[in-house]
Amino acid sequence: MNKNLLYPLLSPFFSAGMLLCSEILTVKYNISPIFLMLLLNAIGGSILFLCVKNRIKKARQIAATHPFLLAGASVFSYLLSGLATFYAASQIGSTKISFALQLETVFVVAFAVLFLKEKLTKKTISAGLLIVCGGILLQMQNTGIIFTWTDIVVFLAPFLFSIGILLNTELLRHHDALAVTAFGQISVAVLLCIFLPWLNTSLTGIALLFILLMSVLEGFAWLFYNKGLATVGASVTTILFGIVPFFTLLFSFVFNRFFENYFIIPKNIWFVIAGGMCIFAGIVVISKSNP
């Protein structure tokens, strides 16, 4: 196997670990998604901030030239999509939400066609149909298709994240990626401090360790994703990143084997797996049609 493929394989591996940590923190330690987002952005943003050269100058430059674009990209990427993801993980488990998050690809393509005037091809349409079928299968139960408020949030997560991707893409045409990420995360952390008086902010030592682990896993996930883009290209990296749900499912089953009912396994697990396979096939088709 090409050793460069290790990078895009490690990215979904660490992403799966991050999702499982979110389930542990929200379910086992009763950490609210808002407080979790505050801590992750504060820790991650601060670490990245220290790595930015001429950080004060770059912060002023971004704020002066594209303040609204920075605000929009940060709110959708580091706040709203994360809140939806962590809330859904606390209700239905990280396994199912990891499958649903793959729907982000079809939202990005749809936005690109609608707003960026990208060409709509037969392969893109076929891929879209596969992904939509996968999304329907995620909601299938033995009694039929069931939608609850949590299920709506499940689909909101990739939708909101796709908006963040588009806004970030435009912002990164003008500014350094490291600086944009650092200032965006810190800005979101500061904004979330408004809610501190209404949050249960008590943390045990073990919960704090999980939060630090989650921050590290998130950092490695992005690092290896970007390494994959640089070494094997966007198509291969995008396809391989689509195996996040299967790592999540594997880890969940392994932990549940040794610790009974440690993670939430969806009751419609076979429908979820079938839906995930349809979504993954759609991602492959989209990547092949958009080199």
Protein backbone atom coordinates (compact mmCIF):
# COMPACT_ATOMS: atom_id res chain seq x y z
CA MET A 1 0.00 0.00 0.00
CA ASN A 2 1.19 3.51 -0.83
CA LYS A 3 2.47 4.98 2.44
CA ASN A 4 0.87 8.33 1.54
CA LEU A 5 -2.55 6.66 1.86
CA LEU A 6 -1.84 6.43 5.57
CA TYR A 7 -2.60 10.16 5.95
CA PRO A 8 -6.19 10.11 4.62
CA LEU A 9 -6.79 6.87 6.53
CA LEU A 10 -5.61 8.32 9.84
CA SER A 11 -7.88 11.36 9.47
CA PRO A 12 -11.17 9.38 9.69
CA PHE A 13 -9.58 7.21 12.42
CA PHE A 14 -9.01 10.24 14.66
CA SER A 15 -12.34 11.81 13.65
CA ALA A 16 -14.16 8.68 14.79
CA GLY A 17 -12.37 8.88 18.12
CA MET A 18 -13.42 12.52 18.50
CA LEU A 19 -17.09 11.64 17.88
CA LEU A 20 -16.98 8.83 20.42
CA CYS A 21 -15.46 11.20 22.98
CA SER A 22 -18.35 13.61 22.39
CA GLU A 23 -20.83 10.83 23.18
CA ILE A 24 -18.94 9.92 26.35
CA LEU A 25 -18.87 13.53 27.55
CA THR A 26 -22.50 14.37 26.75
CA VAL A 27 -24.02 11.06 27.91
CA LYS A 28 -21.75 9.68 30.63
CA TYR A 29 -20.58 12.98 32.15
CA ASN A 30 -23.64 15.11 31.31
CA ILE A 31 -21.60 17.90 29.67
CA SER A 32 -23.89 20.17 27.66
CA PRO A 33 -23.06 20.51 23.93
CA ILE A 34 -22.74 24.31 24.38
CA PHE A 35 -20.18 23.99 27.18
CA LEU A 36 -18.33 21.31 25.20
CA MET A 37 -18.15 23.58 22.15
CA LEU A 38 -16.89 26.44 24.33
CA LEU A 39 -14.07 24.34 25.77
CA LEU A 40 -13.04 22.75 22.46
CA ASN A 41 -12.90 26.08 20.64
CA ALA A 42 -11.07 27.77 23.51
CA ILE A 43 -8.45 25.01 23.74
CA GLY A 44 -8.06 24.44 20.01
CA GLY A 45 -8.11 28.13 19.12
CA SER A 46 -5.55 29.03 21.79
CA ILE A 47 -3.13 26.32 20.65
CA LEU A 48 -3.42 27.40 17.01
CA PHE A 49 -3.15 31.07 17.99
CA LEU A 50 0.29 30.43 19.50
CA CYS A 51 1.39 28.92 16.16
CA VAL A 52 0.36 31.94 14.06
CA LYS A 53 3.18 34.26 13.04
CA ASN A 54 2.44 37.99 13.40
CA ARG A 55 -0.80 36.95 15.12
CA ILE A 56 -1.92 40.43 16.20
CA LYS A 57 -1.30 41.90 12.75
CA LYS A 58 -3.17 39.08 11.01
CA ALA A 59 -6.08 39.28 13.43
CA ARG A 60 -6.53 42.99 12.70
CA GLN A 61 -6.19 42.36 8.95
CA ILE A 62 -8.91 39.69 8.86
CA ALA A 63 -11.24 41.66 11.14
CA ALA A 64 -10.79 44.83 9.08
CA THR A 65 -11.19 43.34 5.59
CA HIS A 66 -13.71 40.49 6.00
CA PRO A 67 -15.41 40.76 9.41
CA PHE A 68 -18.83 39.43 8.34
CA LEU A 69 -17.34 36.58 6.29
CA LEU A 70 -15.18 35.56 9.27
CA ALA A 71 -18.19 35.73 11.60
CA GLY A 72 -20.38 33.64 9.29
CA ALA A 73 -17.71 31.02 8.60
CA SER A 74 -16.88 30.71 12.31
CA VAL A 75 -20.49 30.48 13.50
CA PHE A 76 -21.46 27.78 10.99
CA SER A 77 -18.19 25.79 11.11
CA TYR A 78 -17.23 25.93 14.78
CA LEU A 79 -20.55 26.55 16.51
CA LEU A 80 -23.86 25.58 14.89
CA SER A 81 -22.74 22.41 13.10
CA GLY A 82 -20.86 21.27 16.21
CA LEU A 83 -23.83 21.90 18.49
CA ALA A 84 -26.11 19.92 16.20
CA THR A 85 -23.59 17.07 15.97
CA PHE A 86 -22.95 16.78 19.72
CA TYR A 87 -26.63 17.09 20.61
CA ALA A 88 -27.55 14.35 18.13
CA ALA A 89 -24.70 12.15 19.38
CA SER A 90 -26.03 12.47 22.94
CA GLN A 91 -29.51 11.34 21.80
CA ILE A 92 -28.92 8.67 19.16
CA GLY A 93 -25.21 7.91 19.53
CA SER A 94 -22.04 8.81 17.66
CA THR A 95 -22.41 5.81 15.31
CA LYS A 96 -25.58 7.03 13.58
CA ILE A 97 -24.56 10.70 13.49
CA SER A 98 -21.23 9.74 11.89
CA PHE A 99 -23.15 8.11 9.02
CA ALA A 100 -25.48 11.10 8.70
CA LEU A 101 -22.58 13.59 8.60
CA GLN A 102 -21.50 12.11 5.26
CA LEU A 103 -24.55 13.85 3.75
CA GLU A 104 -22.47 17.02 3.92
CA THR A 105 -21.01 16.09 0.50
CA VAL A 106 -24.33 16.33 -1.32
CA PHE A 107 -25.13 19.66 0.37
CA VAL A 108 -21.75 21.10 -0.69
CA VAL A 109 -22.27 19.96 -4.28
CA ALA A 110 -25.82 21.36 -4.32
CA PHE A 111 -24.63 24.74 -3.01
CA ALA A 112 -21.77 24.76 -5.54
CA VAL A 113 -24.24 24.18 -8.39
CA LEU A 114 -26.73 26.77 -7.11
CA PHE A 115 -24.41 29.58 -6.03
CA LEU A 116 -21.01 28.92 -7.63
CA LYS A 117 -22.50 28.00 -11.02
CA GLU A 118 -20.65 24.66 -11.17
CA LYS A 119 -21.79 22.26 -13.91
CA LEU A 120 -24.38 19.63 -13.01
CA THR A 121 -23.40 16.32 -14.63
CA LYS A 122 -25.14 12.94 -14.90
CA LYS A 123 -22.61 11.50 -12.46
CA THR A 124 -23.37 14.26 -9.98
CA ILE A 125 -27.10 13.61 -10.24
CA SER A 126 -26.55 9.85 -9.82
CA ALA A 127 -24.36 10.46 -6.80
CA GLY A 128 -26.96 12.79 -5.32
CA LEU A 129 -29.67 10.16 -5.71
CA LEU A 130 -27.46 7.53 -4.02
CA ILE A 131 -26.78 9.85 -1.08
CA VAL A 132 -30.44 10.83 -0.72
CA CYS A 133 -31.38 7.11 -0.71
CA GLY A 134 -28.75 6.61 1.95
CA GLY A 135 -30.27 9.40 4.03
CA ILE A 136 -33.71 7.78 3.76
CA LEU A 137 -32.31 4.41 4.85
CA LEU A 138 -30.81 6.04 7.93
CA GLN A 139 -34.37 6.78 9.09
CA MET A 140 -35.85 3.39 8.22
CA GLN A 141 -37.28 1.28 11.02
CA ASN A 142 -39.07 -2.07 10.82
CA THR A 143 -42.32 -0.09 11.03
CA GLY A 144 -41.36 2.40 8.32
CA ILE A 145 -39.67 5.81 8.13
CA ILE A 146 -39.69 7.70 11.42
CA PHE A 147 -38.71 11.36 11.91
CA THR A 148 -38.36 13.03 15.31
CA TRP A 149 -36.91 16.37 16.41
CA THR A 150 -33.55 14.64 16.96
CA ASP A 151 -33.64 13.28 13.42
CA ILE A 152 -34.15 16.82 12.09
CA VAL A 153 -31.08 17.94 14.06
CA VAL A 154 -29.16 14.97 12.61
CA PHE A 155 -29.71 16.29 9.09
CA LEU A 156 -29.11 19.89 10.17
CA ALA A 157 -25.56 19.03 11.27
CA PRO A 158 -24.13 18.28 7.77
CA PHE A 159 -26.28 21.05 6.24
CA LEU A 160 -24.86 23.69 8.59
CA PHE A 161 -21.33 22.36 8.19
CA SER A 162 -21.60 22.56 4.39
CA ILE A 163 -22.52 26.26 4.66
CA GLY A 164 -19.46 26.75 6.86
CA ILE A 165 -17.27 25.03 4.25
CA LEU A 166 -18.46 27.38 1.50
CA LEU A 167 -17.92 30.47 3.64
CA ASN A 168 -14.51 29.24 4.75
CA THR A 169 -13.51 28.51 1.15
CA GLU A 170 -14.19 32.12 0.21
CA LEU A 171 -12.41 33.45 3.31
CA LEU A 172 -9.33 31.29 2.69
CA ARG A 173 -8.89 32.85 -0.73
CA HIS A 174 -7.79 36.01 1.07
CA HIS A 175 -6.23 34.90 4.35
CA ASP A 176 -3.93 32.32 5.94
CA ALA A 177 -5.73 29.08 6.91
CA LEU A 178 -4.03 28.77 10.32
CA ALA A 179 -4.91 32.34 11.28
CA VAL A 180 -8.51 32.03 10.07
CA THR A 181 -9.06 28.82 12.07
CA ALA A 182 -7.42 30.19 15.24
CA PHE A 183 -9.31 33.49 15.27
CA GLY A 184 -12.57 31.82 14.28
CA GLN A 185 -12.40 29.31 17.13
CA ILE A 186 -11.38 31.92 19.71
CA SER A 187 -14.20 34.23 18.57
CA VAL A 188 -16.76 31.43 18.99
CA ALA A 189 -15.38 30.57 22.45
CA VAL A 190 -15.71 34.21 23.54
CA LEU A 191 -19.26 34.36 22.17
CA LEU A 192 -20.28 31.21 24.05
CA CYS A 193 -19.05 32.70 27.33
CA ILE A 194 -22.34 34.64 27.33
CA PHE A 195 -24.13 31.40 28.24
CA LEU A 196 -21.84 30.48 31.17
CA PRO A 197 -24.25 31.69 33.90
CA TRP A 198 -26.89 29.20 32.65
CA LEU A 199 -24.59 26.21 32.11
CA ASN A 200 -23.63 23.41 34.43
CA THR A 201 -19.87 23.91 34.28
CA SER A 202 -18.79 21.35 36.88
CA LEU A 203 -16.05 19.08 35.51
CA THR A 204 -14.49 15.96 36.97
CA GLY A 205 -10.83 15.23 36.36
CA ILE A 206 -11.69 12.35 34.02
CA ALA A 207 -14.12 14.51 32.01
CA LEU A 208 -11.41 17.16 31.61
CA LEU A 209 -9.00 14.49 30.35
CA PHE A 210 -11.58 13.39 27.76
CA ILE A 211 -12.00 17.02 26.64
CA LEU A 212 -8.24 17.40 26.22
CA LEU A 213 -8.13 14.07 24.35
CA MET A 214 -10.98 15.21 22.11
CA SER A 215 -9.13 18.45 21.32
CA VAL A 216 -5.99 16.50 20.39
CA LEU A 217 -7.97 14.05 18.23
CA GLU A 218 -9.65 16.95 16.40
CA GLY A 219 -6.27 18.54 15.72
CA PHE A 220 -4.78 15.30 14.35
CA ALA A 221 -7.90 14.69 12.23
CA TRP A 222 -7.47 18.05 10.49
CA LEU A 223 -3.68 17.65 10.25
CA PHE A 224 -3.87 14.28 8.49
CA TYR A 225 -6.78 15.44 6.31
CA ASN A 226 -4.69 18.36 5.03
CA LYS A 227 -1.68 16.04 4.64
CA GLY A 228 -3.87 13.78 2.52
CA LEU A 229 -4.93 16.68 0.33
CA ALA A 230 -1.27 17.58 -0.22
CA THR A 231 0.02 14.05 -0.95
CA VAL A 232 -2.73 12.02 -2.66
CA GLY A 233 -5.18 14.72 -3.71
CA ALA A 234 -8.70 15.83 -2.88
CA SER A 235 -10.55 12.95 -4.57
CA VAL A 236 -8.78 10.12 -2.74
CA THR A 237 -8.81 12.01 0.57
CA THR A 238 -12.53 12.76 0.30
CA ILE A 239 -13.36 9.14 -0.51
CA LEU A 240 -11.27 7.70 2.32
CA PHE A 241 -12.62 10.24 4.81
CA GLY A 242 -16.03 8.73 4.11
CA ILE A 243 -15.06 5.67 6.19
CA VAL A 244 -15.38 7.66 9.45
CA PRO A 245 -18.71 5.90 10.24
CA PHE A 246 -17.18 2.47 9.86
CA PHE A 247 -14.36 3.31 12.29
CA THR A 248 -16.98 4.70 14.68
CA LEU A 249 -19.09 1.56 14.38
CA LEU A 250 -16.05 -0.69 14.89
CA PHE A 251 -14.92 1.19 18.01
CA SER A 252 -18.47 1.16 19.40
CA PHE A 253 -18.83 -2.60 19.00
CA VAL A 254 -15.38 -3.26 20.50
CA PHE A 255 -16.05 -1.09 23.57
CA ASN A 256 -19.54 -2.51 24.02
CA ARG A 257 -18.04 -5.99 23.94
CA PHE A 258 -15.97 -5.22 27.05
CA PHE A 259 -18.16 -2.54 28.67
CA GLU A 260 -21.84 -3.38 28.36
CA ASN A 261 -23.95 -0.64 26.70
CA TYR A 262 -21.06 1.82 26.79
CA PHE A 263 -22.01 3.43 23.48
CA ILE A 264 -25.44 3.84 21.89
CA ILE A 265 -25.97 1.39 19.01
CA PRO A 266 -28.98 2.34 16.82
CA LYS A 267 -31.85 -0.16 16.89
CA ASN A 268 -32.05 0.09 13.10
CA ILE A 269 -28.33 -0.63 12.74
CA TRP A 270 -28.66 -2.67 9.52
CA PHE A 271 -30.62 0.13 7.84
CA VAL A 272 -27.99 2.58 9.08
CA ILE A 273 -25.17 0.48 7.61
CA ALA A 274 -27.03 0.09 4.29
CA GLY A 275 -27.64 3.85 4.20
CA GLY A 276 -23.99 4.50 4.99
CA MET A 277 -22.91 2.28 2.10
CA CYS A 278 -25.20 4.19 -0.30
CA ILE A 279 -23.82 7.50 0.94
CA PHE A 280 -20.23 6.25 0.60
CA ALA A 281 -20.94 5.08 -2.96
CA GLY A 282 -22.34 8.52 -3.75
CA ILE A 283 -19.22 10.19 -2.39
CA VAL A 284 -17.07 7.96 -4.62
CA VAL A 285 -19.13 8.90 -7.69
CA ILE A 286 -18.99 12.63 -6.88
CA SER A 287 -15.23 12.48 -6.32
CA LYS A 288 -14.71 10.68 -9.63
CA SER A 289 -16.83 13.20 -11.50
CA ASN A 290 -15.14 16.21 -9.86
CA PRO A 291 -11.38 15.58 -10.00
